[in-house]
Amino acid sequence: MRLDKYLKVSRLIKRRTVANTACENERVLVNGQERKPAYRVKIGDVIEIAFGQRTLKVEVVDVAEHATKDSASALYREIP
């Protein structure tokens, strides 16, 4: 699954266009490297998202095309 779509489906970022922009503005790192929105997300990838002063770091646990509001948080695990 594409990185921008994964960020939307997992509800880490609310809209896919915002996720796409964040990737292009170098606010999203995967495994410590900047990635384009078309990067293919795999289980085990570590994604870091810069939200202003705060950085969110998560590990990909599952990749699903669709997720409900309740099951979206099961797609990733937060890393301190």
Protein backbone atom coordinates (compact mmCIF):
# COMPACT_ATOMS: atom_id res chain seq x y z
CA MET A 1 0.00 0.00 0.00
CA ARG A 2 1.18 3.52 -0.75
CA LEU A 3 2.53 5.55 2.17
CA ASP A 4 0.01 8.38 1.78
CA LYS A 5 -2.90 5.94 1.69
CA TYR A 6 -1.58 4.03 4.72
CA LEU A 7 -1.38 7.25 6.74
CA LYS A 8 -5.02 7.98 5.87
CA VAL A 9 -6.40 4.45 6.42
CA SER A 10 -4.61 4.15 9.78
CA ARG A 11 -5.94 7.61 10.67
CA LEU A 12 -2.49 8.93 11.56
CA ILE A 13 -3.30 11.80 9.17
CA LYS A 14 -6.91 12.76 8.48
CA ARG A 15 -6.84 13.25 4.70
CA ARG A 16 -4.82 11.63 1.94
CA THR A 17 -4.01 14.97 0.31
CA VAL A 18 -2.59 16.20 3.63
CA ALA A 19 -0.57 12.97 3.93
CA ASN A 20 0.71 13.46 0.38
CA THR A 21 1.76 17.04 1.15
CA ALA A 22 3.46 15.98 4.40
CA CYS A 23 5.51 13.38 2.51
CA GLU A 24 6.54 15.86 -0.17
CA ASN A 25 7.50 18.47 2.46
CA GLU A 26 9.87 15.97 4.13
CA ARG A 27 7.80 15.66 7.31
CA VAL A 28 7.51 11.87 7.03
CA LEU A 29 10.43 9.48 7.46
CA VAL A 30 10.30 5.72 6.94
CA ASN A 31 13.12 3.73 8.54
CA GLY A 32 15.04 7.00 9.02
CA GLN A 33 14.85 8.10 5.36
CA GLU A 34 12.64 10.59 3.55
CA ARG A 35 10.11 8.80 1.37
CA LYS A 36 7.81 9.85 -1.45
CA PRO A 37 4.02 9.35 -1.10
CA ALA A 38 4.22 6.37 -3.51
CA TYR A 39 6.58 4.39 -1.23
CA ARG A 40 5.20 0.87 -0.58
CA VAL A 41 4.64 0.37 3.16
CA LYS A 42 5.58 -3.03 4.57
CA ILE A 43 5.00 -4.67 7.95
CA GLY A 44 7.87 -3.76 10.25
CA ASP A 45 8.52 -0.31 8.75
CA VAL A 46 9.07 2.48 11.29
CA ILE A 47 7.29 5.71 10.33
CA GLU A 48 8.13 9.09 11.91
CA ILE A 49 5.77 12.02 11.36
CA ALA A 50 6.69 15.59 12.37
CA PHE A 51 3.69 17.53 13.70
CA GLY A 52 5.18 20.96 14.45
CA GLN A 53 7.22 20.52 17.65
CA ARG A 54 5.98 16.96 18.25
CA THR A 55 7.16 13.83 16.44
CA LEU A 56 5.09 10.66 16.32
CA LYS A 57 6.96 7.39 15.81
CA VAL A 58 5.06 4.21 14.96
CA GLU A 59 5.82 0.69 13.74
CA VAL A 60 3.63 -0.82 11.02
CA VAL A 61 1.91 -3.93 12.42
CA ASP A 62 -0.61 -4.59 9.65
CA VAL A 63 -1.45 -3.24 6.19
CA ALA A 64 -5.16 -3.25 5.31
CA GLU A 65 -6.99 -1.56 2.44
CA HIS A 66 -9.86 -0.52 4.71
CA ALA A 67 -10.15 -0.02 8.45
CA THR A 68 -12.99 1.12 10.65
CA LYS A 69 -12.53 3.89 13.16
CA ASP A 70 -12.14 1.33 15.96
CA SER A 71 -9.73 -0.99 14.13
CA ALA A 72 -7.49 1.73 12.63
CA SER A 73 -5.23 1.89 15.68
CA ALA A 74 -4.51 -1.85 15.34
CA LEU A 75 -2.58 -1.15 12.11
CA TYR A 76 0.35 0.40 14.01
CA ARG A 77 2.13 0.40 17.37
CA GLU A 78 3.46 3.61 18.92
CA ILE A 79 7.16 3.64 19.76
CA PRO A 80 8.33 5.93 22.58
